[in-house]
Amino acid sequence: MRTKLTLTMDDSVIDSAKKYARQKGKSLSDIVENYLKSIATPEDTTEKLSPKVVKMMGVIKLPQDYDYKKELGNALAIKYKS
């Protein structure tokens, strides 16, 4: 269902937004709708990941007190030990 929304803002903002929309080849309504979707829905980072990475997520279970910085430091110390 599509519903009309009326917004009130400065003329200069409207003019700039219309110019931006023309340059992008989109309607101002599409730009506003996409912006509102981006701020109104919880960020789902899995959309930005490759399917292979998403499939691997949750495979490794680490303890609550796992300190990755400490483990990284230990691994680097072993790697570069003279």
C-alpha atoms as a PDB file:
ATOM      1  CA  MET A   1       0.000   0.000   0.000  1.00  0.00           C
ATOM      2  CA  ARG A   2       1.324   3.437  -0.894  1.00  0.00           C
ATOM      3  CA  THR A   3       0.441   6.424   1.304  1.00  0.00           C
ATOM      4  CA  LYS A   4       1.136  10.084   0.697  1.00  0.00           C
ATOM      5  CA  LEU A   5       3.277  11.921   3.268  1.00  0.00           C
ATOM      6  CA  THR A   6       3.543  15.691   3.564  1.00  0.00           C
ATOM      7  CA  LEU A   7       6.773  17.157   4.921  1.00  0.00           C
ATOM      8  CA  THR A   8       7.483  20.744   5.891  1.00  0.00           C
ATOM      9  CA  MET A   9      11.016  22.112   5.515  1.00  0.00           C
ATOM     10  CA  ASP A  10      12.997  25.068   4.243  1.00  0.00           C
ATOM     11  CA  ASP A  11      12.711  25.839   0.538  1.00  0.00           C
ATOM     12  CA  SER A  12      16.491  25.700   0.149  1.00  0.00           C
ATOM     13  CA  VAL A  13      16.568  22.152   1.522  1.00  0.00           C
ATOM     14  CA  ILE A  14      13.824  21.089  -0.880  1.00  0.00           C
ATOM     15  CA  ASP A  15      15.599  22.666  -3.846  1.00  0.00           C
ATOM     16  CA  SER A  16      18.894  20.995  -2.958  1.00  0.00           C
ATOM     17  CA  ALA A  17      17.195  17.645  -2.439  1.00  0.00           C
ATOM     18  CA  LYS A  18      15.391  17.854  -5.800  1.00  0.00           C
ATOM     19  CA  LYS A  19      18.653  18.736  -7.544  1.00  0.00           C
ATOM     20  CA  TYR A  20      20.385  15.795  -5.862  1.00  0.00           C
ATOM     21  CA  ALA A  21      17.559  13.454  -6.878  1.00  0.00           C
ATOM     22  CA  ARG A  22      17.751  14.606 -10.518  1.00  0.00           C
ATOM     23  CA  GLN A  23      21.522  14.047 -10.563  1.00  0.00           C
ATOM     24  CA  LYS A  24      21.054  10.524  -9.218  1.00  0.00           C
ATOM     25  CA  GLY A  25      18.219   9.758 -11.622  1.00  0.00           C
ATOM     26  CA  LYS A  26      15.806   9.006  -8.798  1.00  0.00           C
ATOM     27  CA  SER A  27      12.660  10.564  -7.451  1.00  0.00           C
ATOM     28  CA  LEU A  28      12.810  12.543  -4.258  1.00  0.00           C
ATOM     29  CA  SER A  29      10.180  10.213  -2.819  1.00  0.00           C
ATOM     30  CA  ASP A  30      12.423   7.190  -3.464  1.00  0.00           C
ATOM     31  CA  ILE A  31      15.381   8.858  -1.785  1.00  0.00           C
ATOM     32  CA  VAL A  32      13.359   9.846   1.277  1.00  0.00           C
ATOM     33  CA  GLU A  33      11.757   6.387   1.486  1.00  0.00           C
ATOM     34  CA  ASN A  34      15.125   4.620   1.301  1.00  0.00           C
ATOM     35  CA  TYR A  35      16.586   6.942   3.929  1.00  0.00           C
ATOM     36  CA  LEU A  36      13.679   6.336   6.289  1.00  0.00           C
ATOM     37  CA  LYS A  37      13.996   2.578   5.760  1.00  0.00           C
ATOM     38  CA  SER A  38      17.690   2.743   6.611  1.00  0.00           C
ATOM     39  CA  ILE A  39      17.088   4.491   9.933  1.00  0.00           C
ATOM     40  CA  ALA A  40      13.833   2.782  10.892  1.00  0.00           C
ATOM     41  CA  THR A  41      14.840  -0.860  10.545  1.00  0.00           C
ATOM     42  CA  PRO A  42      17.391  -2.671  12.670  1.00  0.00           C
ATOM     43  CA  GLU A  43      20.721  -2.876  10.951  1.00  0.00           C
ATOM     44  CA  ASP A  44      21.218  -6.345   9.553  1.00  0.00           C
ATOM     45  CA  THR A  45      24.915  -6.698   8.928  1.00  0.00           C
ATOM     46  CA  THR A  46      24.477 -10.145   7.402  1.00  0.00           C
ATOM     47  CA  GLU A  47      23.120  -8.494   4.234  1.00  0.00           C
ATOM     48  CA  LYS A  48      26.565  -6.991   3.621  1.00  0.00           C
ATOM     49  CA  LEU A  49      28.455 -10.248   4.134  1.00  0.00           C
ATOM     50  CA  SER A  50      29.111 -12.923   1.565  1.00  0.00           C
ATOM     51  CA  PRO A  51      26.945 -16.047   1.826  1.00  0.00           C
ATOM     52  CA  LYS A  52      30.024 -18.117   2.747  1.00  0.00           C
ATOM     53  CA  VAL A  53      30.760 -15.884   5.746  1.00  0.00           C
ATOM     54  CA  VAL A  54      27.120 -15.915   6.857  1.00  0.00           C
ATOM     55  CA  LYS A  55      27.136 -19.728   6.684  1.00  0.00           C
ATOM     56  CA  MET A  56      30.198 -19.873   8.966  1.00  0.00           C
ATOM     57  CA  MET A  57      28.778 -17.481  11.555  1.00  0.00           C
ATOM     58  CA  GLY A  58      28.147 -19.118  14.899  1.00  0.00           C
ATOM     59  CA  VAL A  59      30.256 -22.183  14.148  1.00  0.00           C
ATOM     60  CA  ILE A  60      32.933 -21.337  16.729  1.00  0.00           C
ATOM     61  CA  LYS A  61      31.763 -20.955  20.324  1.00  0.00           C
ATOM     62  CA  LEU A  62      34.088 -18.878  22.504  1.00  0.00           C
ATOM     63  CA  PRO A  63      33.939 -18.460  26.279  1.00  0.00           C
ATOM     64  CA  GLN A  64      32.371 -15.265  27.596  1.00  0.00           C
ATOM     65  CA  ASP A  65      35.703 -14.070  29.003  1.00  0.00           C
ATOM     66  CA  TYR A  66      37.611 -14.624  25.734  1.00  0.00           C
ATOM     67  CA  ASP A  67      40.091 -11.774  25.164  1.00  0.00           C
ATOM     68  CA  TYR A  68      40.921 -11.654  21.485  1.00  0.00           C
ATOM     69  CA  LYS A  69      43.492  -8.874  21.974  1.00  0.00           C
ATOM     70  CA  LYS A  70      45.425 -11.008  24.435  1.00  0.00           C
ATOM     71  CA  GLU A  71      45.265 -14.027  22.127  1.00  0.00           C
ATOM     72  CA  LEU A  72      46.348 -11.937  19.152  1.00  0.00           C
ATOM     73  CA  GLY A  73      49.285 -10.588  21.160  1.00  0.00           C
ATOM     74  CA  ASN A  74      50.307 -14.116  22.144  1.00  0.00           C
ATOM     75  CA  ALA A  75      50.085 -15.342  18.554  1.00  0.00           C
ATOM     76  CA  LEU A  76      52.153 -12.421  17.253  1.00  0.00           C
ATOM     77  CA  ALA A  77      54.757 -12.930  19.993  1.00  0.00           C
ATOM     78  CA  ILE A  78      55.117 -16.585  18.981  1.00  0.00           C
ATOM     79  CA  LYS A  79      55.228 -15.713  15.284  1.00  0.00           C
ATOM     80  CA  TYR A  80      57.922 -13.035  15.588  1.00  0.00           C
ATOM     81  CA  LYS A  81      59.945 -14.607  18.387  1.00  0.00           C
ATOM     82  CA  SER A  82      63.624 -14.523  17.467  1.00  0.00           C
END
